N, C-alpha and C. Protein backbone atom coordinates (compact mmCIF):
# COMPACT_ATOMS: atom_id res chain seq x y z
N MET A 1 0.86 -1.19 0.00
CA MET A 1 0.00 0.00 0.00
C MET A 1 0.88 1.23 0.00
N LEU A 2 0.58 2.22 -0.86
CA LEU A 2 1.35 3.45 -0.93
C LEU A 2 0.78 4.46 0.06
N LEU A 3 1.69 5.21 0.66
CA LEU A 3 1.27 6.24 1.60
C LEU A 3 1.53 7.60 1.01
N ALA A 4 0.62 8.50 1.31
CA ALA A 4 0.86 9.88 0.90
C ALA A 4 2.05 10.41 1.65
N ARG A 5 2.72 11.40 1.04
CA ARG A 5 3.94 11.93 1.66
C ARG A 5 3.71 12.41 3.10
N GLY A 6 2.63 13.16 3.31
CA GLY A 6 2.36 13.71 4.64
C GLY A 6 2.11 12.61 5.66
N GLU A 7 1.40 11.56 5.25
CA GLU A 7 1.11 10.46 6.16
C GLU A 7 2.40 9.75 6.56
N GLY A 8 3.29 9.52 5.57
CA GLY A 8 4.56 8.86 5.87
C GLY A 8 5.39 9.65 6.85
N MET A 9 5.43 10.96 6.71
CA MET A 9 6.18 11.81 7.62
C MET A 9 5.59 11.76 9.02
N THR A 10 4.27 11.67 9.11
CA THR A 10 3.62 11.59 10.44
C THR A 10 3.98 10.30 11.14
N LEU A 11 3.96 9.20 10.40
CA LEU A 11 4.31 7.90 10.99
C LEU A 11 5.75 7.90 11.44
N THR A 12 6.63 8.52 10.66
CA THR A 12 8.05 8.58 11.03
C THR A 12 8.23 9.35 12.33
N LYS A 13 7.52 10.48 12.44
CA LYS A 13 7.61 11.27 13.67
C LYS A 13 7.10 10.48 14.87
N LEU A 14 6.01 9.76 14.67
CA LEU A 14 5.47 8.95 15.77
C LEU A 14 6.46 7.90 16.22
N ALA A 15 7.13 7.29 15.25
CA ALA A 15 8.13 6.25 15.59
C ALA A 15 9.28 6.85 16.38
N ILE A 16 9.70 8.07 15.98
CA ILE A 16 10.79 8.73 16.71
C ILE A 16 10.37 9.06 18.13
N PHE A 17 9.13 9.62 18.26
CA PHE A 17 8.64 9.95 19.61
C PHE A 17 8.53 8.71 20.48
N ALA A 18 8.08 7.59 19.91
CA ALA A 18 7.94 6.34 20.67
C ALA A 18 9.30 5.86 21.15
N ALA A 19 10.31 5.95 20.26
CA ALA A 19 11.66 5.52 20.64
C ALA A 19 12.21 6.38 21.76
N LEU A 20 11.96 7.71 21.65
CA LEU A 20 12.43 8.62 22.71
C LEU A 20 11.75 8.32 24.04
N ALA A 21 10.45 7.99 23.99
CA ALA A 21 9.71 7.68 25.21
C ALA A 21 10.27 6.45 25.88
N VAL A 22 10.58 5.43 25.09
CA VAL A 22 11.14 4.19 25.65
C VAL A 22 12.49 4.46 26.28
N THR A 23 13.32 5.27 25.58
CA THR A 23 14.65 5.60 26.11
C THR A 23 14.54 6.37 27.42
N PHE A 24 13.61 7.35 27.48
CA PHE A 24 13.43 8.15 28.69
C PHE A 24 12.95 7.28 29.85
N SER A 25 12.03 6.35 29.57
CA SER A 25 11.52 5.45 30.62
C SER A 25 12.64 4.58 31.17
N ALA A 26 13.50 4.10 30.26
CA ALA A 26 14.62 3.26 30.70
C ALA A 26 15.58 4.07 31.55
N PHE A 27 15.79 5.36 31.14
CA PHE A 27 16.68 6.23 31.91
C PHE A 27 16.14 6.46 33.32
N CYS A 28 14.84 6.74 33.41
CA CYS A 28 14.21 6.95 34.73
C CYS A 28 14.28 5.70 35.58
N ALA A 29 14.07 4.54 34.97
CA ALA A 29 14.15 3.28 35.72
C ALA A 29 15.54 3.08 36.26
N GLY A 30 16.55 3.49 35.46
CA GLY A 30 17.92 3.36 35.93
C GLY A 30 18.20 4.23 37.13
N LEU A 31 17.61 5.46 37.13
CA LEU A 31 17.79 6.34 38.28
C LEU A 31 17.14 5.76 39.52
N ALA A 32 16.00 5.06 39.38
CA ALA A 32 15.28 4.52 40.54
C ALA A 32 15.91 3.24 41.06
N ALA A 33 16.75 2.59 40.26
CA ALA A 33 17.26 1.27 40.62
C ALA A 33 18.00 1.22 41.95
N PRO A 34 18.89 2.20 42.28
CA PRO A 34 19.61 2.10 43.55
C PRO A 34 18.67 2.05 44.75
N ARG A 35 17.59 2.87 44.76
CA ARG A 35 16.66 2.86 45.89
C ARG A 35 15.94 1.53 45.97
N GLU A 36 15.54 0.98 44.81
CA GLU A 36 14.85 -0.30 44.81
C GLU A 36 15.80 -1.40 45.26
N ALA A 37 17.06 -1.33 44.84
CA ALA A 37 18.04 -2.35 45.21
C ALA A 37 18.30 -2.34 46.71
N ALA A 38 18.24 -1.13 47.31
CA ALA A 38 18.51 -1.04 48.74
C ALA A 38 17.49 -1.82 49.54
N ALA A 39 16.25 -1.85 49.05
CA ALA A 39 15.19 -2.53 49.79
C ALA A 39 15.02 -3.99 49.37
N ALA A 40 15.78 -4.40 48.33
CA ALA A 40 15.62 -5.76 47.83
C ALA A 40 16.19 -6.77 48.81
N GLY A 41 15.72 -8.01 48.75
CA GLY A 41 16.25 -9.07 49.60
C GLY A 41 15.57 -9.11 50.95
N LYS A 42 15.85 -10.17 51.68
CA LYS A 42 15.22 -10.41 52.97
C LYS A 42 16.06 -9.80 54.09
N ALA A 43 15.41 -9.21 55.08
CA ALA A 43 16.12 -8.52 56.16
C ALA A 43 15.80 -9.16 57.51
N LEU A 44 16.76 -9.04 58.42
CA LEU A 44 16.64 -9.54 59.79
C LEU A 44 17.09 -8.46 60.75
N VAL A 45 16.34 -8.28 61.83
CA VAL A 45 16.74 -7.38 62.91
C VAL A 45 17.22 -8.24 64.08
N VAL A 46 18.49 -8.11 64.43
CA VAL A 46 19.08 -8.80 65.58
C VAL A 46 19.35 -7.74 66.64
N TYR A 47 18.95 -8.00 67.89
CA TYR A 47 19.18 -6.96 68.90
C TYR A 47 19.39 -7.58 70.28
N PHE A 48 20.08 -6.81 71.12
CA PHE A 48 20.19 -7.10 72.55
C PHE A 48 19.66 -5.89 73.29
N SER A 49 18.83 -6.13 74.30
CA SER A 49 18.25 -5.04 75.07
C SER A 49 18.16 -5.46 76.53
N MET A 50 18.36 -4.49 77.43
CA MET A 50 18.38 -4.83 78.84
C MET A 50 17.57 -3.84 79.68
N PRO A 51 16.23 -3.93 79.62
CA PRO A 51 15.41 -3.09 80.52
C PRO A 51 15.64 -3.53 81.97
N GLU A 52 15.72 -2.59 82.85
CA GLU A 52 16.04 -2.91 84.24
C GLU A 52 14.81 -3.16 85.10
N THR A 53 13.65 -3.20 84.47
CA THR A 53 12.41 -3.57 85.16
C THR A 53 11.39 -4.01 84.12
N ASP A 54 10.40 -4.73 84.57
CA ASP A 54 9.27 -5.05 83.69
C ASP A 54 7.97 -4.48 84.23
N LYS A 55 8.10 -3.58 85.21
CA LYS A 55 6.93 -2.96 85.85
C LYS A 55 6.79 -1.52 85.37
N PRO A 56 5.66 -1.17 84.77
CA PRO A 56 5.52 0.18 84.20
C PRO A 56 5.32 1.29 85.22
N ASP A 57 4.98 0.94 86.44
CA ASP A 57 4.70 1.97 87.45
C ASP A 57 5.81 2.04 88.49
N GLY A 58 6.03 3.25 89.01
CA GLY A 58 6.96 3.44 90.12
C GLY A 58 8.41 3.17 89.75
N MET A 59 8.80 3.47 88.52
CA MET A 59 10.18 3.21 88.11
C MET A 59 11.15 4.16 88.81
N THR A 60 12.34 3.64 89.11
CA THR A 60 13.42 4.51 89.55
C THR A 60 13.95 5.27 88.34
N ARG A 61 14.80 6.24 88.59
CA ARG A 61 15.39 7.02 87.49
C ARG A 61 16.15 6.12 86.53
N GLU A 62 16.95 5.21 87.06
CA GLU A 62 17.76 4.34 86.21
C GLU A 62 16.89 3.34 85.43
N GLU A 63 15.85 2.86 86.07
CA GLU A 63 14.92 1.97 85.36
C GLU A 63 14.26 2.70 84.21
N ASP A 64 13.85 3.94 84.46
CA ASP A 64 13.21 4.74 83.44
C ASP A 64 14.17 5.04 82.28
N ASN A 65 15.45 5.20 82.58
CA ASN A 65 16.46 5.45 81.56
C ASN A 65 16.65 4.25 80.63
N SER A 66 16.36 3.06 81.12
CA SER A 66 16.64 1.84 80.36
C SER A 66 15.47 1.35 79.53
N ALA A 67 14.31 1.99 79.67
CA ALA A 67 13.10 1.41 79.08
C ALA A 67 12.10 2.47 78.65
N VAL A 68 11.15 2.03 77.84
CA VAL A 68 9.99 2.85 77.48
C VAL A 68 8.74 2.06 77.83
N VAL A 69 7.64 2.76 77.95
CA VAL A 69 6.36 2.10 78.20
C VAL A 69 5.46 2.37 77.01
N ILE A 70 5.10 1.31 76.30
CA ILE A 70 4.27 1.41 75.10
C ILE A 70 2.99 0.61 75.34
N ASP A 71 1.86 1.30 75.33
CA ASP A 71 0.57 0.64 75.57
C ASP A 71 0.58 -0.15 76.87
N GLY A 72 1.19 0.43 77.90
CA GLY A 72 1.22 -0.19 79.22
C GLY A 72 2.25 -1.28 79.39
N LYS A 73 3.05 -1.57 78.34
CA LYS A 73 4.04 -2.64 78.40
C LYS A 73 5.45 -2.05 78.41
N VAL A 74 6.31 -2.60 79.27
CA VAL A 74 7.69 -2.13 79.36
C VAL A 74 8.53 -2.81 78.29
N LEU A 75 9.23 -1.99 77.52
CA LEU A 75 10.17 -2.48 76.51
C LEU A 75 11.52 -1.81 76.75
N GLY A 76 12.60 -2.56 76.59
CA GLY A 76 13.91 -1.94 76.62
C GLY A 76 14.04 -0.94 75.48
N ASN A 77 14.88 0.09 75.66
CA ASN A 77 15.03 1.11 74.63
C ASN A 77 15.41 0.49 73.28
N THR A 78 16.41 -0.37 73.29
CA THR A 78 16.85 -0.99 72.04
C THR A 78 15.79 -1.94 71.51
N GLN A 79 15.10 -2.61 72.39
CA GLN A 79 14.01 -3.50 71.99
C GLN A 79 12.94 -2.73 71.22
N TYR A 80 12.60 -1.56 71.71
CA TYR A 80 11.57 -0.75 71.05
C TYR A 80 12.02 -0.31 69.66
N VAL A 81 13.26 0.16 69.55
CA VAL A 81 13.77 0.57 68.24
C VAL A 81 13.80 -0.62 67.29
N ALA A 82 14.21 -1.78 67.79
CA ALA A 82 14.25 -2.99 66.96
C ALA A 82 12.86 -3.34 66.44
N GLN A 83 11.87 -3.25 67.31
CA GLN A 83 10.51 -3.57 66.88
C GLN A 83 10.00 -2.56 65.85
N LEU A 84 10.35 -1.28 66.02
CA LEU A 84 9.96 -0.28 65.03
C LEU A 84 10.56 -0.61 63.66
N ILE A 85 11.83 -0.97 63.64
CA ILE A 85 12.49 -1.29 62.38
C ILE A 85 11.83 -2.50 61.73
N ALA A 86 11.56 -3.54 62.52
CA ALA A 86 10.93 -4.74 61.97
C ALA A 86 9.54 -4.44 61.42
N GLU A 87 8.78 -3.65 62.16
CA GLU A 87 7.41 -3.32 61.72
C GLU A 87 7.41 -2.48 60.44
N ARG A 88 8.34 -1.57 60.33
CA ARG A 88 8.35 -0.65 59.20
C ARG A 88 9.03 -1.23 57.96
N THR A 89 9.77 -2.30 58.11
CA THR A 89 10.45 -2.90 56.96
C THR A 89 9.93 -4.28 56.59
N GLY A 90 9.15 -4.90 57.50
CA GLY A 90 8.72 -6.27 57.27
C GLY A 90 9.81 -7.29 57.55
N ALA A 91 10.88 -6.87 58.23
CA ALA A 91 11.99 -7.77 58.54
C ALA A 91 11.61 -8.77 59.62
N ASP A 92 12.30 -9.90 59.63
CA ASP A 92 12.22 -10.83 60.76
C ASP A 92 12.98 -10.23 61.93
N ILE A 93 12.77 -10.78 63.12
CA ILE A 93 13.42 -10.21 64.31
C ILE A 93 13.91 -11.32 65.22
N PHE A 94 15.09 -11.10 65.81
CA PHE A 94 15.69 -12.07 66.72
C PHE A 94 16.32 -11.33 67.89
N ARG A 95 15.94 -11.73 69.10
CA ARG A 95 16.50 -11.11 70.30
C ARG A 95 17.64 -11.95 70.84
N ILE A 96 18.79 -11.34 71.04
CA ILE A 96 19.93 -12.00 71.69
C ILE A 96 19.68 -11.98 73.19
N GLU A 97 19.64 -13.15 73.80
CA GLU A 97 19.45 -13.26 75.24
C GLU A 97 20.60 -14.06 75.84
N PRO A 98 21.07 -13.67 77.01
CA PRO A 98 22.17 -14.40 77.64
C PRO A 98 21.68 -15.71 78.25
N GLU A 99 22.54 -16.72 78.19
CA GLU A 99 22.20 -17.99 78.81
C GLU A 99 22.01 -17.81 80.32
N LYS A 100 22.87 -16.97 80.91
CA LYS A 100 22.72 -16.61 82.33
C LYS A 100 22.19 -15.19 82.38
N PRO A 101 20.96 -14.99 82.85
CA PRO A 101 20.35 -13.65 82.80
C PRO A 101 21.19 -12.60 83.52
N TYR A 102 21.19 -11.40 82.96
CA TYR A 102 21.87 -10.28 83.61
C TYR A 102 21.04 -9.79 84.79
N PRO A 103 21.70 -9.23 85.81
CA PRO A 103 20.94 -8.66 86.94
C PRO A 103 20.22 -7.39 86.50
N THR A 104 19.09 -7.11 87.14
CA THR A 104 18.36 -5.89 86.81
C THR A 104 18.72 -4.73 87.74
N ASP A 105 19.37 -5.02 88.87
CA ASP A 105 19.83 -3.93 89.74
C ASP A 105 20.88 -3.12 88.99
N HIS A 106 20.69 -1.82 88.94
CA HIS A 106 21.51 -0.98 88.08
C HIS A 106 23.00 -1.04 88.42
N GLU A 107 23.32 -0.83 89.66
CA GLU A 107 24.74 -0.79 90.04
C GLU A 107 25.41 -2.14 89.79
N THR A 108 24.70 -3.21 90.08
CA THR A 108 25.25 -4.55 89.84
C THR A 108 25.46 -4.79 88.35
N LEU A 109 24.51 -4.37 87.54
CA LEU A 109 24.61 -4.53 86.09
C LEU A 109 25.77 -3.71 85.53
N VAL A 110 25.90 -2.49 85.98
CA VAL A 110 26.99 -1.62 85.51
C VAL A 110 28.35 -2.23 85.85
N GLY A 111 28.46 -2.75 87.07
CA GLY A 111 29.72 -3.37 87.48
C GLY A 111 30.03 -4.62 86.68
N LEU A 112 29.02 -5.42 86.40
CA LEU A 112 29.22 -6.64 85.62
C LEU A 112 29.62 -6.31 84.19
N ALA A 113 28.98 -5.31 83.61
CA ALA A 113 29.31 -4.90 82.24
C ALA A 113 30.75 -4.42 82.16
N ARG A 114 31.21 -3.68 83.17
CA ARG A 114 32.59 -3.21 83.20
C ARG A 114 33.56 -4.38 83.31
N ALA A 115 33.23 -5.34 84.18
CA ALA A 115 34.10 -6.50 84.36
C ALA A 115 34.18 -7.33 83.08
N GLU A 116 33.05 -7.52 82.41
CA GLU A 116 33.05 -8.29 81.16
C GLU A 116 33.91 -7.60 80.10
N LYS A 117 33.82 -6.29 80.03
CA LYS A 117 34.62 -5.55 79.06
C LYS A 117 36.10 -5.67 79.38
N ASP A 118 36.46 -5.50 80.64
CA ASP A 118 37.87 -5.59 81.04
C ASP A 118 38.44 -6.98 80.77
N ASP A 119 37.61 -8.01 80.95
CA ASP A 119 38.07 -9.39 80.78
C ASP A 119 37.96 -9.88 79.33
N GLY A 120 37.36 -9.07 78.46
CA GLY A 120 37.13 -9.54 77.10
C GLY A 120 36.22 -10.75 77.08
N ALA A 121 35.21 -10.75 77.95
CA ALA A 121 34.33 -11.92 78.11
C ALA A 121 33.49 -12.15 76.87
N ARG A 122 33.05 -13.39 76.74
CA ARG A 122 32.12 -13.76 75.67
C ARG A 122 30.94 -14.50 76.32
N PRO A 123 29.97 -13.76 76.87
CA PRO A 123 28.83 -14.40 77.53
C PRO A 123 28.08 -15.30 76.55
N ALA A 124 27.66 -16.45 77.04
CA ALA A 124 26.96 -17.41 76.18
C ALA A 124 25.58 -16.88 75.80
N ILE A 125 25.20 -17.12 74.54
CA ILE A 125 23.88 -16.75 74.06
C ILE A 125 22.92 -17.92 74.25
N LYS A 126 21.74 -17.61 74.76
CA LYS A 126 20.72 -18.63 74.98
C LYS A 126 20.15 -19.10 73.65
N GLY A 127 20.17 -20.41 73.44
CA GLY A 127 19.57 -20.98 72.25
C GLY A 127 20.43 -20.80 71.00
N ALA A 128 19.89 -21.21 69.88
CA ALA A 128 20.60 -21.17 68.60
C ALA A 128 20.35 -19.85 67.88
N LEU A 129 21.29 -19.46 67.05
CA LEU A 129 21.11 -18.30 66.20
C LEU A 129 20.23 -18.67 65.01
N PRO A 130 19.56 -17.69 64.43
CA PRO A 130 18.78 -17.98 63.22
C PRO A 130 19.71 -18.31 62.06
N ASP A 131 19.15 -18.90 61.01
CA ASP A 131 19.92 -19.21 59.80
C ASP A 131 20.17 -17.91 59.04
N LEU A 132 21.37 -17.36 59.21
CA LEU A 132 21.67 -16.05 58.64
C LEU A 132 21.85 -16.09 57.13
N SER A 133 22.03 -17.28 56.58
CA SER A 133 22.21 -17.39 55.13
C SER A 133 20.94 -16.97 54.37
N ALA A 134 19.82 -16.92 55.08
CA ALA A 134 18.55 -16.57 54.44
C ALA A 134 18.38 -15.07 54.25
N TYR A 135 19.34 -14.25 54.75
CA TYR A 135 19.15 -12.80 54.77
C TYR A 135 20.25 -12.07 54.00
N ASP A 136 19.83 -10.99 53.33
CA ASP A 136 20.77 -10.12 52.62
C ASP A 136 21.18 -8.93 53.48
N THR A 137 20.27 -8.51 54.36
CA THR A 137 20.52 -7.35 55.22
C THR A 137 20.27 -7.74 56.67
N VAL A 138 21.20 -7.35 57.55
CA VAL A 138 21.05 -7.63 58.98
C VAL A 138 21.23 -6.31 59.75
N PHE A 139 20.14 -5.85 60.38
CA PHE A 139 20.22 -4.73 61.32
C PHE A 139 20.67 -5.30 62.67
N VAL A 140 21.62 -4.64 63.31
CA VAL A 140 22.13 -5.13 64.61
C VAL A 140 22.03 -4.00 65.62
N GLY A 141 21.23 -4.22 66.69
CA GLY A 141 20.99 -3.18 67.67
C GLY A 141 21.49 -3.53 69.06
N TYR A 142 21.91 -2.51 69.80
CA TYR A 142 22.47 -2.72 71.13
C TYR A 142 22.51 -1.38 71.88
N PRO A 143 22.55 -1.42 73.21
CA PRO A 143 22.83 -0.22 73.98
C PRO A 143 24.33 0.02 74.03
N ASN A 144 24.73 1.25 74.20
CA ASN A 144 26.14 1.58 74.38
C ASN A 144 26.49 1.40 75.86
N TRP A 145 27.34 0.42 76.13
CA TRP A 145 27.83 0.17 77.50
C TRP A 145 29.32 0.45 77.55
N TRP A 146 29.70 1.38 78.41
CA TRP A 146 31.11 1.68 78.59
C TRP A 146 31.79 1.98 77.25
N ALA A 147 31.15 2.82 76.44
CA ALA A 147 31.69 3.24 75.14
C ALA A 147 31.99 2.05 74.23
N ASP A 148 31.15 1.04 74.31
CA ASP A 148 31.36 -0.17 73.52
C ASP A 148 30.02 -0.91 73.40
N MET A 149 30.03 -1.97 72.60
CA MET A 149 28.88 -2.87 72.59
C MET A 149 28.92 -3.72 73.86
N PRO A 150 27.79 -4.18 74.35
CA PRO A 150 27.80 -5.22 75.39
C PRO A 150 28.58 -6.42 74.85
N MET A 151 29.30 -7.10 75.73
CA MET A 151 30.21 -8.16 75.27
C MET A 151 29.48 -9.34 74.64
N ILE A 152 28.19 -9.48 74.95
CA ILE A 152 27.43 -10.57 74.32
C ILE A 152 27.29 -10.33 72.81
N LEU A 153 27.41 -9.09 72.36
CA LEU A 153 27.43 -8.82 70.92
C LEU A 153 28.68 -9.39 70.27
N TYR A 154 29.79 -9.37 71.01
CA TYR A 154 31.02 -9.99 70.49
C TYR A 154 30.83 -11.49 70.33
N THR A 155 30.10 -12.10 71.25
CA THR A 155 29.77 -13.52 71.10
C THR A 155 29.01 -13.75 69.81
N PHE A 156 28.05 -12.87 69.55
CA PHE A 156 27.26 -13.00 68.32
C PHE A 156 28.16 -12.90 67.09
N PHE A 157 29.00 -11.90 67.04
CA PHE A 157 29.85 -11.71 65.85
C PHE A 157 30.89 -12.83 65.72
N ASP A 158 31.32 -13.39 66.85
CA ASP A 158 32.23 -14.55 66.78
C ASP A 158 31.55 -15.73 66.09
N ARG A 159 30.27 -15.89 66.33
CA ARG A 159 29.53 -17.05 65.80
C ARG A 159 28.90 -16.81 64.44
N ALA A 160 28.65 -15.56 64.10
CA ALA A 160 27.92 -15.25 62.88
C ALA A 160 28.87 -14.97 61.72
N ASP A 161 28.54 -15.51 60.56
CA ASP A 161 29.26 -15.18 59.33
C ASP A 161 28.36 -14.26 58.51
N LEU A 162 28.73 -12.99 58.47
CA LEU A 162 27.91 -12.00 57.76
C LEU A 162 28.57 -11.56 56.45
N SER A 163 29.47 -12.36 55.94
CA SER A 163 30.15 -12.03 54.69
C SER A 163 29.15 -11.84 53.56
N GLY A 164 29.35 -10.78 52.78
CA GLY A 164 28.50 -10.51 51.64
C GLY A 164 27.18 -9.86 51.99
N LYS A 165 26.94 -9.61 53.27
CA LYS A 165 25.66 -9.03 53.69
C LYS A 165 25.82 -7.53 53.98
N ARG A 166 24.70 -6.85 53.93
CA ARG A 166 24.63 -5.45 54.35
C ARG A 166 24.32 -5.45 55.85
N VAL A 167 25.22 -4.95 56.66
CA VAL A 167 25.07 -4.96 58.12
C VAL A 167 24.91 -3.51 58.59
N ILE A 168 23.81 -3.25 59.29
CA ILE A 168 23.47 -1.88 59.68
C ILE A 168 23.28 -1.81 61.19
N PRO A 169 24.30 -1.36 61.93
CA PRO A 169 24.16 -1.21 63.37
C PRO A 169 23.24 -0.05 63.73
N PHE A 170 22.51 -0.21 64.85
CA PHE A 170 21.78 0.91 65.45
C PHE A 170 21.98 0.83 66.95
N VAL A 171 21.94 1.97 67.61
CA VAL A 171 22.35 2.02 69.02
C VAL A 171 21.42 2.92 69.82
N THR A 172 21.24 2.58 71.10
CA THR A 172 20.62 3.48 72.06
C THR A 172 21.68 3.83 73.10
N HIS A 173 21.60 5.03 73.65
CA HIS A 173 22.73 5.50 74.46
C HIS A 173 22.32 6.64 75.38
N GLY A 174 23.23 6.94 76.31
CA GLY A 174 23.01 8.03 77.24
C GLY A 174 23.75 9.29 76.88
N GLY A 175 24.31 9.35 75.66
CA GLY A 175 25.03 10.54 75.23
C GLY A 175 26.27 10.24 74.41
N SER A 176 26.68 8.98 74.37
CA SER A 176 27.92 8.61 73.68
C SER A 176 27.73 8.19 72.23
N GLY A 177 26.49 8.11 71.77
CA GLY A 177 26.26 7.69 70.40
C GLY A 177 26.80 6.29 70.13
N PHE A 178 27.39 6.12 68.96
CA PHE A 178 27.96 4.82 68.60
C PHE A 178 29.32 4.57 69.24
N SER A 179 29.97 5.63 69.78
CA SER A 179 31.39 5.52 70.15
C SER A 179 32.14 4.98 68.92
N ARG A 180 32.88 3.89 69.09
CA ARG A 180 33.62 3.34 67.94
C ARG A 180 33.05 1.99 67.51
N THR A 181 31.80 1.72 67.87
CA THR A 181 31.27 0.37 67.66
C THR A 181 31.07 0.02 66.19
N VAL A 182 30.74 1.00 65.35
CA VAL A 182 30.55 0.69 63.92
C VAL A 182 31.87 0.22 63.32
N GLU A 183 32.95 0.92 63.65
CA GLU A 183 34.27 0.51 63.17
C GLU A 183 34.66 -0.86 63.70
N THR A 184 34.31 -1.13 64.95
CA THR A 184 34.61 -2.44 65.54
C THR A 184 33.89 -3.55 64.80
N ILE A 185 32.62 -3.33 64.48
CA ILE A 185 31.85 -4.34 63.75
C ILE A 185 32.46 -4.57 62.37
N ALA A 186 32.90 -3.50 61.72
CA ALA A 186 33.54 -3.65 60.41
C ALA A 186 34.81 -4.48 60.52
N GLU A 187 35.53 -4.35 61.62
CA GLU A 187 36.74 -5.15 61.84
C GLU A 187 36.40 -6.60 62.13
N LEU A 188 35.30 -6.82 62.87
CA LEU A 188 34.90 -8.18 63.20
C LEU A 188 34.28 -8.91 62.01
N GLU A 189 33.68 -8.15 61.09
CA GLU A 189 33.02 -8.73 59.91
C GLU A 189 33.59 -8.10 58.64
N PRO A 190 34.85 -8.39 58.31
CA PRO A 190 35.50 -7.72 57.18
C PRO A 190 34.87 -8.02 55.82
N GLY A 191 34.13 -9.12 55.73
CA GLY A 191 33.49 -9.47 54.46
C GLY A 191 32.12 -8.86 54.27
N ALA A 192 31.64 -8.11 55.27
CA ALA A 192 30.31 -7.50 55.20
C ALA A 192 30.42 -6.03 54.79
N LYS A 193 29.33 -5.50 54.28
CA LYS A 193 29.24 -4.07 54.00
C LYS A 193 28.57 -3.41 55.20
N VAL A 194 29.36 -2.80 56.07
CA VAL A 194 28.86 -2.25 57.33
C VAL A 194 28.55 -0.77 57.14
N GLU A 195 27.32 -0.37 57.49
CA GLU A 195 26.85 1.01 57.35
C GLU A 195 26.35 1.53 58.70
N ARG A 196 26.56 2.78 58.94
CA ARG A 196 26.09 3.40 60.18
C ARG A 196 24.58 3.61 60.12
N GLY A 197 23.87 3.11 61.13
CA GLY A 197 22.43 3.26 61.18
C GLY A 197 22.00 4.40 62.08
N VAL A 198 20.88 4.22 62.75
CA VAL A 198 20.31 5.29 63.57
C VAL A 198 20.84 5.20 65.00
N SER A 199 21.06 6.37 65.60
CA SER A 199 21.54 6.48 66.98
C SER A 199 20.47 7.20 67.79
N VAL A 200 19.94 6.54 68.81
CA VAL A 200 18.80 7.07 69.56
C VAL A 200 19.19 7.34 71.01
N PRO A 201 19.22 8.59 71.46
CA PRO A 201 19.47 8.88 72.88
C PRO A 201 18.34 8.31 73.73
N ARG A 202 18.68 7.82 74.90
CA ARG A 202 17.66 7.21 75.75
C ARG A 202 16.57 8.22 76.12
N SER A 203 16.93 9.50 76.16
CA SER A 203 15.93 10.53 76.49
C SER A 203 14.90 10.71 75.38
N ASP A 204 15.22 10.25 74.17
CA ASP A 204 14.31 10.39 73.03
C ASP A 204 13.64 9.07 72.65
N ALA A 205 13.97 7.99 73.34
CA ALA A 205 13.52 6.67 72.89
C ALA A 205 12.01 6.56 72.80
N GLN A 206 11.31 7.12 73.78
CA GLN A 206 9.84 6.99 73.81
C GLN A 206 9.19 7.58 72.56
N GLU A 207 9.79 8.63 72.01
CA GLU A 207 9.19 9.35 70.89
C GLU A 207 10.01 9.23 69.61
N CYS A 208 10.78 8.16 69.47
CA CYS A 208 11.73 8.08 68.36
C CYS A 208 11.13 7.54 67.06
N GLY A 209 9.84 7.17 67.08
CA GLY A 209 9.22 6.57 65.90
C GLY A 209 9.41 7.36 64.61
N PRO A 210 9.09 8.67 64.60
CA PRO A 210 9.26 9.44 63.36
C PRO A 210 10.71 9.49 62.87
N GLU A 211 11.65 9.59 63.80
CA GLU A 211 13.07 9.62 63.41
C GLU A 211 13.49 8.30 62.77
N VAL A 212 13.07 7.19 63.38
CA VAL A 212 13.41 5.88 62.84
C VAL A 212 12.79 5.69 61.46
N THR A 213 11.53 6.10 61.31
CA THR A 213 10.86 5.97 60.02
C THR A 213 11.55 6.81 58.95
N ALA A 214 11.93 8.03 59.29
CA ALA A 214 12.61 8.91 58.32
C ALA A 214 13.95 8.32 57.90
N TRP A 215 14.68 7.78 58.84
CA TRP A 215 15.96 7.15 58.53
C TRP A 215 15.77 5.95 57.59
N LEU A 216 14.81 5.11 57.90
CA LEU A 216 14.56 3.93 57.06
C LEU A 216 14.13 4.33 55.66
N ARG A 217 13.31 5.37 55.56
CA ARG A 217 12.85 5.83 54.25
C ARG A 217 14.03 6.36 53.45
N GLU A 218 14.90 7.11 54.09
CA GLU A 218 16.07 7.66 53.41
C GLU A 218 16.98 6.52 52.92
N ALA A 219 17.08 5.45 53.70
CA ALA A 219 17.92 4.32 53.32
C ALA A 219 17.25 3.38 52.32
N GLY A 220 15.96 3.65 52.04
CA GLY A 220 15.25 2.85 51.05
C GLY A 220 14.60 1.60 51.61
N PHE A 221 14.36 1.57 52.93
CA PHE A 221 13.83 0.35 53.54
C PHE A 221 12.36 0.44 53.96
N ALA A 222 11.88 1.62 54.31
CA ALA A 222 10.54 1.71 54.86
C ALA A 222 9.50 1.26 53.83
N LYS A 223 8.50 0.49 54.29
CA LYS A 223 7.45 0.00 53.41
C LYS A 223 6.54 1.15 52.99
């Protein structure tokens, strides 16, 4: 079939516009890929938390510093942040618990934490670790004790192989932030991609939901 000159020129223009549209769409998809890749794969939240009471009423100052009360239930500061991350990302969650429970008396706990750090202790973890091979991203949360991770976290890193995974520490603290713990984790897990996560002061823990959500969204994880 023969086409009139004007009709042929119109079809040619349409073909050019279609090709440009496809190219532009591919370009935009390429720009979006890093954010989509950040959220790809299965995630796990691993955390250790040590609330110094399970009673929501009549807390001492130190008990209040270690915990938040959500819907009448006491949660450790790090426990609460861990649950927020899991809820907002759809990640699985695993709590590190010591085989021998830590004391809840503040002074006794502080002294024990100092002694464990000085001795380079490796407190035993209760039960088995989850199958970490199933996860591409592992969030790791802990309170800052004596400008370091609690020593039971060292037990975890001794046992866990996080090579090839994205490891994102998060911390709750009384003013020291991460200290040098992110660098320490990178040294303990040289095969992992270790990134600095969110740092939550204990004074802000109760109201940290928006901050945690904003951080996760910026990192490409929030649902």
